[in-house]
Structures are given as C-alpha cells and as structure tokens.
Amino acid sequence: MIEQYENILQISVLFLCSIVALRRALRERSRTWGFTFFFFISWLMGDVYWVACLVFYGDTPQVSVVSDLSWYASLIFLYLLLQQTTGPDIKAKWSLIPWIGPVFATAMGTFFVRWGNIISNVVYEFLMTFLLYSVIARLVDLKQYRKQLFLCVLILVFLMLVYAMWTASCFWYEESISNPYYWFDTLLTLSFPFFIPAAGKADAT
C-alpha cells in the first residue's frame, strides 16, 4: 500500500511538472523546455505502467521492460537537456576527475547484476556513465558553466538518489515506512519540481 501511495504522489508531481514544462516549451519554442518536458513525461509513463500493474494485478510488473524503456528515454532526455544548456565540455577533456563517473557507474552496474536483468543493467550502466561523466565534467569547470551550476548539481543529486533507491531495493523488501527505498523514492519525487527553475536558469540568456 505504501508503494502505491508513493507512486501516486510521484505521478501527480510529474504530471504537474510536465504541464508546466510543456506550456513553457510551446510558448518559448525552446529546446531546453522540450527536453525538460520529455524528461518528465517519459519518467511519468514508466510510473503509470508500474502503478497500473500494482492496482489491477496486485503485483509489480511481470514485464518490467515497459517501464524500463520509459525510464531509459527519460535519462536520455536528461542527457540531452544537459547538452542543450551547457554545450561541449572542453576543459574536462584534460582532467581525470570526470572519469570518476564511469568508474562508479561500472562498479554499481556490476553490483546490480546479482539482482536484476543483465541487459537492463547494462543499458542503465551505459546511460548513467554518459550522464555522470558529463555532469561531473561541467562541475569541474565552474567558470564556464556557472549559469548551469544549479542544473548540474541537481542532476548529480538526482542520479545519486536513483542509485540509493536501487541499492536499498537490493537489501530491504518489506513494504513499510522503515524501508529506506521509500525514503529515497520520496526524495526523488521531491527533486522533480526543482528541474523547472533549474532549466529556466540554465536556459536564461
């Protein structure tokens, strides 16, 4: 029951965020807001399928690839949003610090193989590698990306919450308020509205 309530909360938040982003995208004809909208709506579609299975079948989806495809797309649009608002990471090409991201993503992907589908884990690892490298590369060069700092930090926090949620799901299975999975998922839900001002600031001229 807790999972259903938490997912409904996330769906509601994402629905409202999607409306705001779509209105801005149509009004301003902005790619930034277009990518923000598709980031929200893709994650929302994955959640809707997941909740529909819980409501109508009383269990998590037997074919989780439907939700996974939506979440894959959401991460891709998040990467495109980062690229759209920041451009290429020039100085980071000469730094080793951004490679912390790929190393971390590879280690976590290897760890998660014990619990999930291998192909799904490989796809998530691939997407997370690009996102982590890109966002850390921009944080390394704060002078170049000062205007996009809020967005970069938010994306990094978002990705860490996703990893925390996945990790918690490997060790805690009970559906109770004491399960850290629901804490991290709630924090993830609360992070979505912050993408609205972050995208706006990053897109400002």
C-alpha atoms as a PDB file:
ATOM      1  CA  MET A   1       0.000   0.000   0.000  1.00  0.00           C
ATOM      2  CA  ILE A   2       2.850   2.398   0.821  1.00  0.00           C
ATOM      3  CA  GLU A   3       4.344   1.823  -2.622  1.00  0.00           C
ATOM      4  CA  GLN A   4       1.041   2.674  -4.316  1.00  0.00           C
ATOM      5  CA  TYR A   5       0.680   5.912  -2.355  1.00  0.00           C
ATOM      6  CA  GLU A   6       4.273   6.911  -3.022  1.00  0.00           C
ATOM      7  CA  ASN A   7       3.926   6.170  -6.742  1.00  0.00           C
ATOM      8  CA  ILE A   8       0.668   8.126  -6.943  1.00  0.00           C
ATOM      9  CA  LEU A   9       2.437  11.080  -5.316  1.00  0.00           C
ATOM     10  CA  GLN A  10       5.254  10.821  -7.852  1.00  0.00           C
ATOM     11  CA  ILE A  11       2.801  10.572 -10.742  1.00  0.00           C
ATOM     12  CA  SER A  12       0.942  13.665  -9.524  1.00  0.00           C
ATOM     13  CA  VAL A  13       4.150  15.678  -9.173  1.00  0.00           C
ATOM     14  CA  LEU A  14       5.414  14.573 -12.586  1.00  0.00           C
ATOM     15  CA  PHE A  15       2.070  15.333 -14.210  1.00  0.00           C
ATOM     16  CA  LEU A  16       2.112  18.907 -12.894  1.00  0.00           C
ATOM     17  CA  CYS A  17       5.768  19.358 -13.852  1.00  0.00           C
ATOM     18  CA  SER A  18       5.031  18.044 -17.354  1.00  0.00           C
ATOM     19  CA  ILE A  19       2.224  20.577 -17.828  1.00  0.00           C
ATOM     20  CA  VAL A  20       4.464  23.460 -16.735  1.00  0.00           C
ATOM     21  CA  ALA A  21       7.338  22.335 -18.991  1.00  0.00           C
ATOM     22  CA  LEU A  22       5.021  21.773 -21.978  1.00  0.00           C
ATOM     23  CA  ARG A  23       3.494  25.241 -21.624  1.00  0.00           C
ATOM     24  CA  ARG A  24       6.954  26.818 -21.484  1.00  0.00           C
ATOM     25  CA  ALA A  25       8.103  24.733 -24.469  1.00  0.00           C
ATOM     26  CA  LEU A  26       5.115  25.788 -26.597  1.00  0.00           C
ATOM     27  CA  ARG A  27       5.261  29.417 -25.527  1.00  0.00           C
ATOM     28  CA  GLU A  28       9.006  29.923 -25.893  1.00  0.00           C
ATOM     29  CA  ARG A  29       9.684  27.429 -28.700  1.00  0.00           C
ATOM     30  CA  SER A  30      12.643  26.280 -26.622  1.00  0.00           C
ATOM     31  CA  ARG A  31      14.511  23.008 -26.985  1.00  0.00           C
ATOM     32  CA  THR A  32      15.517  23.256 -23.340  1.00  0.00           C
ATOM     33  CA  TRP A  33      11.898  23.145 -22.238  1.00  0.00           C
ATOM     34  CA  GLY A  34      11.113  20.493 -24.825  1.00  0.00           C
ATOM     35  CA  PHE A  35      13.786  18.191 -23.408  1.00  0.00           C
ATOM     36  CA  THR A  36      12.603  19.018 -19.858  1.00  0.00           C
ATOM     37  CA  PHE A  37       9.043  18.060 -20.809  1.00  0.00           C
ATOM     38  CA  PHE A  38      10.104  14.766 -22.374  1.00  0.00           C
ATOM     39  CA  PHE A  39      12.281  14.000 -19.332  1.00  0.00           C
ATOM     40  CA  PHE A  40       9.208  14.387 -17.095  1.00  0.00           C
ATOM     41  CA  ILE A  41       6.683  12.661 -19.342  1.00  0.00           C
ATOM     42  CA  SER A  42       8.926   9.655 -20.041  1.00  0.00           C
ATOM     43  CA  TRP A  43       9.503   9.025 -16.335  1.00  0.00           C
ATOM     44  CA  LEU A  44       5.768   9.544 -15.776  1.00  0.00           C
ATOM     45  CA  MET A  45       4.837   6.904 -18.367  1.00  0.00           C
ATOM     46  CA  GLY A  46       7.089   4.360 -16.673  1.00  0.00           C
ATOM     47  CA  ASP A  47       5.457   5.113 -13.332  1.00  0.00           C
ATOM     48  CA  VAL A  48       1.931   4.879 -14.743  1.00  0.00           C
ATOM     49  CA  TYR A  49       2.557   1.390 -16.134  1.00  0.00           C
ATOM     50  CA  TRP A  50       4.120   0.295 -12.845  1.00  0.00           C
ATOM     51  CA  VAL A  51       1.183   1.572 -10.779  1.00  0.00           C
ATOM     52  CA  ALA A  52      -1.354   0.118 -13.211  1.00  0.00           C
ATOM     53  CA  CYS A  53       0.139  -3.334 -12.633  1.00  0.00           C
ATOM     54  CA  LEU A  54       0.010  -2.844  -8.858  1.00  0.00           C
ATOM     55  CA  VAL A  55      -3.623  -1.716  -8.984  1.00  0.00           C
ATOM     56  CA  PHE A  56      -5.031  -4.210 -11.491  1.00  0.00           C
ATOM     57  CA  TYR A  57      -2.822  -7.240 -10.808  1.00  0.00           C
ATOM     58  CA  GLY A  58      -1.785  -6.595  -7.222  1.00  0.00           C
ATOM     59  CA  ASP A  59       1.904  -7.080  -8.016  1.00  0.00           C
ATOM     60  CA  THR A  60       4.879  -5.416  -9.656  1.00  0.00           C
ATOM     61  CA  PRO A  61       5.020  -5.810 -13.473  1.00  0.00           C
ATOM     62  CA  GLN A  62       5.985  -9.214 -14.782  1.00  0.00           C
ATOM     63  CA  VAL A  63       7.239  -7.468 -17.927  1.00  0.00           C
ATOM     64  CA  SER A  64       9.168  -4.575 -16.389  1.00  0.00           C
ATOM     65  CA  VAL A  65      10.796  -3.705 -19.719  1.00  0.00           C
ATOM     66  CA  VAL A  66       7.804  -1.456 -20.494  1.00  0.00           C
ATOM     67  CA  SER A  67       8.643   0.813 -17.563  1.00  0.00           C
ATOM     68  CA  ASP A  68      12.370   0.422 -18.180  1.00  0.00           C
ATOM     69  CA  LEU A  69      12.025   1.696 -21.751  1.00  0.00           C
ATOM     70  CA  SER A  70      10.273   4.811 -20.469  1.00  0.00           C
ATOM     71  CA  TRP A  71      12.936   5.385 -17.811  1.00  0.00           C
ATOM     72  CA  TYR A  72      15.704   4.812 -20.393  1.00  0.00           C
ATOM     73  CA  ALA A  73      14.122   7.514 -22.539  1.00  0.00           C
ATOM     74  CA  SER A  74      13.862   9.840 -19.547  1.00  0.00           C
ATOM     75  CA  LEU A  75      17.587   9.518 -18.812  1.00  0.00           C
ATOM     76  CA  ILE A  76      18.379  10.151 -22.484  1.00  0.00           C
ATOM     77  CA  PHE A  77      16.297  13.336 -22.450  1.00  0.00           C
ATOM     78  CA  LEU A  78      18.039  14.389 -19.241  1.00  0.00           C
ATOM     79  CA  TYR A  79      21.380  13.972 -21.025  1.00  0.00           C
ATOM     80  CA  LEU A  80      20.071  15.978 -23.996  1.00  0.00           C
ATOM     81  CA  LEU A  81      18.856  18.692 -21.604  1.00  0.00           C
ATOM     82  CA  LEU A  82      22.343  18.913 -20.108  1.00  0.00           C
ATOM     83  CA  GLN A  83      23.960  19.102 -23.545  1.00  0.00           C
ATOM     84  CA  GLN A  84      21.456  21.688 -24.769  1.00  0.00           C
ATOM     85  CA  THR A  85      22.004  24.063 -21.863  1.00  0.00           C
ATOM     86  CA  THR A  86      25.766  23.690 -21.423  1.00  0.00           C
ATOM     87  CA  GLY A  87      27.318  22.804 -24.764  1.00  0.00           C
ATOM     88  CA  PRO A  88      30.534  20.742 -25.009  1.00  0.00           C
ATOM     89  CA  ASP A  89      32.748  20.033 -22.002  1.00  0.00           C
ATOM     90  CA  ILE A  90      36.040  21.466 -23.256  1.00  0.00           C
ATOM     91  CA  LYS A  91      38.380  21.678 -20.267  1.00  0.00           C
ATOM     92  CA  ALA A  92      37.245  18.374 -18.798  1.00  0.00           C
ATOM     93  CA  LYS A  93      38.925  16.558 -21.680  1.00  0.00           C
ATOM     94  CA  TRP A  94      42.221  17.240 -19.911  1.00  0.00           C
ATOM     95  CA  SER A  95      41.020  16.167 -16.460  1.00  0.00           C
ATOM     96  CA  LEU A  96      40.774  12.748 -14.863  1.00  0.00           C
ATOM     97  CA  ILE A  97      38.092  13.785 -12.363  1.00  0.00           C
ATOM     98  CA  PRO A  98      35.067  13.229 -14.693  1.00  0.00           C
ATOM     99  CA  TRP A  99      36.140   9.608 -15.117  1.00  0.00           C
ATOM    100  CA  ILE A 100      35.035   9.007 -11.538  1.00  0.00           C
ATOM    101  CA  GLY A 101      31.529   8.862 -13.012  1.00  0.00           C
ATOM    102  CA  PRO A 102      32.101   5.986 -15.462  1.00  0.00           C
ATOM    103  CA  VAL A 103      34.139   4.046 -12.874  1.00  0.00           C
ATOM    104  CA  PHE A 104      31.358   4.439 -10.307  1.00  0.00           C
ATOM    105  CA  ALA A 105      28.629   3.532 -12.838  1.00  0.00           C
ATOM    106  CA  THR A 106      30.549   0.422 -13.934  1.00  0.00           C
ATOM    107  CA  ALA A 107      31.090  -0.712 -10.338  1.00  0.00           C
ATOM    108  CA  MET A 108      27.425  -0.216  -9.457  1.00  0.00           C
ATOM    109  CA  GLY A 109      26.266  -1.883 -12.678  1.00  0.00           C
ATOM    110  CA  THR A 110      28.402  -4.927 -11.871  1.00  0.00           C
ATOM    111  CA  PHE A 111      26.964  -4.971  -8.355  1.00  0.00           C
ATOM    112  CA  PHE A 112      23.328  -4.796  -9.535  1.00  0.00           C
ATOM    113  CA  VAL A 113      23.704  -7.703 -11.984  1.00  0.00           C
ATOM    114  CA  ARG A 114      23.202 -10.044  -8.998  1.00  0.00           C
ATOM    115  CA  TRP A 115      19.629  -8.813  -8.573  1.00  0.00           C
ATOM    116  CA  GLY A 116      18.374  -7.704 -11.975  1.00  0.00           C
ATOM    117  CA  ASN A 117      18.244  -8.490 -15.654  1.00  0.00           C
ATOM    118  CA  ILE A 118      21.701  -8.344 -17.232  1.00  0.00           C
ATOM    119  CA  ILE A 119      20.618  -6.473 -20.366  1.00  0.00           C
ATOM    120  CA  SER A 120      18.645  -3.921 -18.355  1.00  0.00           C
ATOM    121  CA  ASN A 121      21.589  -3.344 -16.029  1.00  0.00           C
ATOM    122  CA  VAL A 122      23.958  -2.874 -18.955  1.00  0.00           C
ATOM    123  CA  VAL A 123      21.659  -0.292 -20.560  1.00  0.00           C
ATOM    124  CA  TYR A 124      21.286   1.630 -17.293  1.00  0.00           C
ATOM    125  CA  GLU A 125      25.053   1.464 -16.743  1.00  0.00           C
ATOM    126  CA  PHE A 126      25.655   2.832 -20.236  1.00  0.00           C
ATOM    127  CA  LEU A 127      23.220   5.736 -19.740  1.00  0.00           C
ATOM    128  CA  MET A 128      24.464   6.526 -16.235  1.00  0.00           C
ATOM    129  CA  THR A 129      28.068   6.518 -17.464  1.00  0.00           C
ATOM    130  CA  PHE A 130      27.360   9.248 -20.007  1.00  0.00           C
ATOM    131  CA  LEU A 131      25.296  11.301 -17.567  1.00  0.00           C
ATOM    132  CA  LEU A 132      27.766  11.090 -14.696  1.00  0.00           C
ATOM    133  CA  TYR A 133      30.758  11.853 -16.891  1.00  0.00           C
ATOM    134  CA  SER A 134      29.007  14.819 -18.498  1.00  0.00           C
ATOM    135  CA  VAL A 135      27.715  16.386 -15.308  1.00  0.00           C
ATOM    136  CA  ILE A 136      30.969  15.926 -13.355  1.00  0.00           C
ATOM    137  CA  ALA A 137      32.924  17.344 -16.308  1.00  0.00           C
ATOM    138  CA  ARG A 138      30.857  20.506 -16.114  1.00  0.00           C
ATOM    139  CA  LEU A 139      31.188  20.776 -12.346  1.00  0.00           C
ATOM    140  CA  VAL A 140      34.959  20.611 -12.773  1.00  0.00           C
ATOM    141  CA  ASP A 141      34.815  23.757 -14.904  1.00  0.00           C
ATOM    142  CA  LEU A 142      32.641  26.065 -12.760  1.00  0.00           C
ATOM    143  CA  LYS A 143      33.706  29.263 -14.530  1.00  0.00           C
ATOM    144  CA  GLN A 144      32.449  28.008 -17.874  1.00  0.00           C
ATOM    145  CA  TYR A 145      29.178  26.623 -16.521  1.00  0.00           C
ATOM    146  CA  ARG A 146      28.334  28.955 -13.630  1.00  0.00           C
ATOM    147  CA  LYS A 147      24.892  29.719 -15.071  1.00  0.00           C
ATOM    148  CA  GLN A 148      24.124  25.989 -15.279  1.00  0.00           C
ATOM    149  CA  LEU A 149      25.523  25.115 -11.830  1.00  0.00           C
ATOM    150  CA  PHE A 150      22.074  24.595 -10.276  1.00  0.00           C
ATOM    151  CA  LEU A 151      21.055  22.203 -13.045  1.00  0.00           C
ATOM    152  CA  CYS A 152      24.333  20.272 -12.904  1.00  0.00           C
ATOM    153  CA  VAL A 153      24.197  19.838  -9.128  1.00  0.00           C
ATOM    154  CA  LEU A 154      20.527  18.853  -9.336  1.00  0.00           C
ATOM    155  CA  ILE A 155      21.226  16.199 -11.976  1.00  0.00           C
ATOM    156  CA  LEU A 156      24.057  14.772  -9.874  1.00  0.00           C
ATOM    157  CA  VAL A 157      21.818  14.648  -6.777  1.00  0.00           C
ATOM    158  CA  PHE A 158      19.036  13.066  -8.847  1.00  0.00           C
ATOM    159  CA  LEU A 159      21.341  10.325 -10.136  1.00  0.00           C
ATOM    160  CA  MET A 160      22.674   9.608  -6.634  1.00  0.00           C
ATOM    161  CA  LEU A 161      19.098   9.276  -5.351  1.00  0.00           C
ATOM    162  CA  VAL A 162      18.352   6.800  -8.139  1.00  0.00           C
ATOM    163  CA  TYR A 163      21.401   4.756  -7.137  1.00  0.00           C
ATOM    164  CA  ALA A 164      20.440   4.951  -3.454  1.00  0.00           C
ATOM    165  CA  MET A 165      16.940   3.767  -4.293  1.00  0.00           C
ATOM    166  CA  TRP A 166      18.212   0.865  -6.391  1.00  0.00           C
ATOM    167  CA  THR A 167      20.704  -0.151  -3.698  1.00  0.00           C
ATOM    168  CA  ALA A 168      18.057  -0.082  -0.970  1.00  0.00           C
ATOM    169  CA  SER A 169      15.787  -2.296  -3.076  1.00  0.00           C
ATOM    170  CA  CYS A 170      18.516  -4.973  -3.094  1.00  0.00           C
ATOM    171  CA  PHE A 171      18.520  -5.366   0.697  1.00  0.00           C
ATOM    172  CA  TRP A 172      15.125  -4.223   2.006  1.00  0.00           C
ATOM    173  CA  TYR A 173      11.998  -5.918   0.714  1.00  0.00           C
ATOM    174  CA  GLU A 174       9.323  -5.188   3.308  1.00  0.00           C
ATOM    175  CA  GLU A 175       6.666  -2.626   2.445  1.00  0.00           C
ATOM    176  CA  SER A 176       6.952  -0.382   5.487  1.00  0.00           C
ATOM    177  CA  ILE A 177       7.914   3.152   6.390  1.00  0.00           C
ATOM    178  CA  SER A 178      11.222   1.840   7.779  1.00  0.00           C
ATOM    179  CA  ASN A 179      12.320   0.712   4.300  1.00  0.00           C
ATOM    180  CA  PRO A 180      14.969   3.212   3.033  1.00  0.00           C
ATOM    181  CA  TYR A 181      13.772   2.590  -0.528  1.00  0.00           C
ATOM    182  CA  TYR A 182      10.664   4.693   0.154  1.00  0.00           C
ATOM    183  CA  TRP A 183      12.712   7.468   1.751  1.00  0.00           C
ATOM    184  CA  PHE A 184      14.915   7.786  -1.319  1.00  0.00           C
ATOM    185  CA  ASP A 185      11.979   7.438  -3.701  1.00  0.00           C
ATOM    186  CA  THR A 186      10.176  10.248  -1.874  1.00  0.00           C
ATOM    187  CA  LEU A 187      13.276  12.442  -2.102  1.00  0.00           C
ATOM    188  CA  LEU A 188      13.448  11.591  -5.809  1.00  0.00           C
ATOM    189  CA  THR A 189       9.823  12.708  -6.173  1.00  0.00           C
ATOM    190  CA  LEU A 190      10.574  15.988  -4.392  1.00  0.00           C
ATOM    191  CA  SER A 191      13.551  16.618  -6.691  1.00  0.00           C
ATOM    192  CA  PHE A 192      11.450  16.770  -9.877  1.00  0.00           C
ATOM    193  CA  PRO A 193       9.912  20.256  -9.323  1.00  0.00           C
ATOM    194  CA  PHE A 194      13.393  21.728  -8.884  1.00  0.00           C
ATOM    195  CA  PHE A 195      14.128  20.937 -12.536  1.00  0.00           C
ATOM    196  CA  ILE A 196      11.695  23.713 -13.517  1.00  0.00           C
ATOM    197  CA  PRO A 197      13.708  26.625 -12.029  1.00  0.00           C
ATOM    198  CA  ALA A 198      16.991  24.842 -12.829  1.00  0.00           C
ATOM    199  CA  ALA A 199      16.110  24.532 -16.516  1.00  0.00           C
ATOM    200  CA  GLY A 200      14.850  28.115 -16.572  1.00  0.00           C
ATOM    201  CA  LYS A 201      18.066  29.467 -15.082  1.00  0.00           C
ATOM    202  CA  ALA A 202      20.268  27.331 -17.336  1.00  0.00           C
ATOM    203  CA  ASP A 203      18.324  28.460 -20.410  1.00  0.00           C
ATOM    204  CA  ALA A 204      18.395  32.167 -19.489  1.00  0.00           C
ATOM    205  CA  THR A 205      20.450  34.397 -21.737  1.00  0.00           C
END
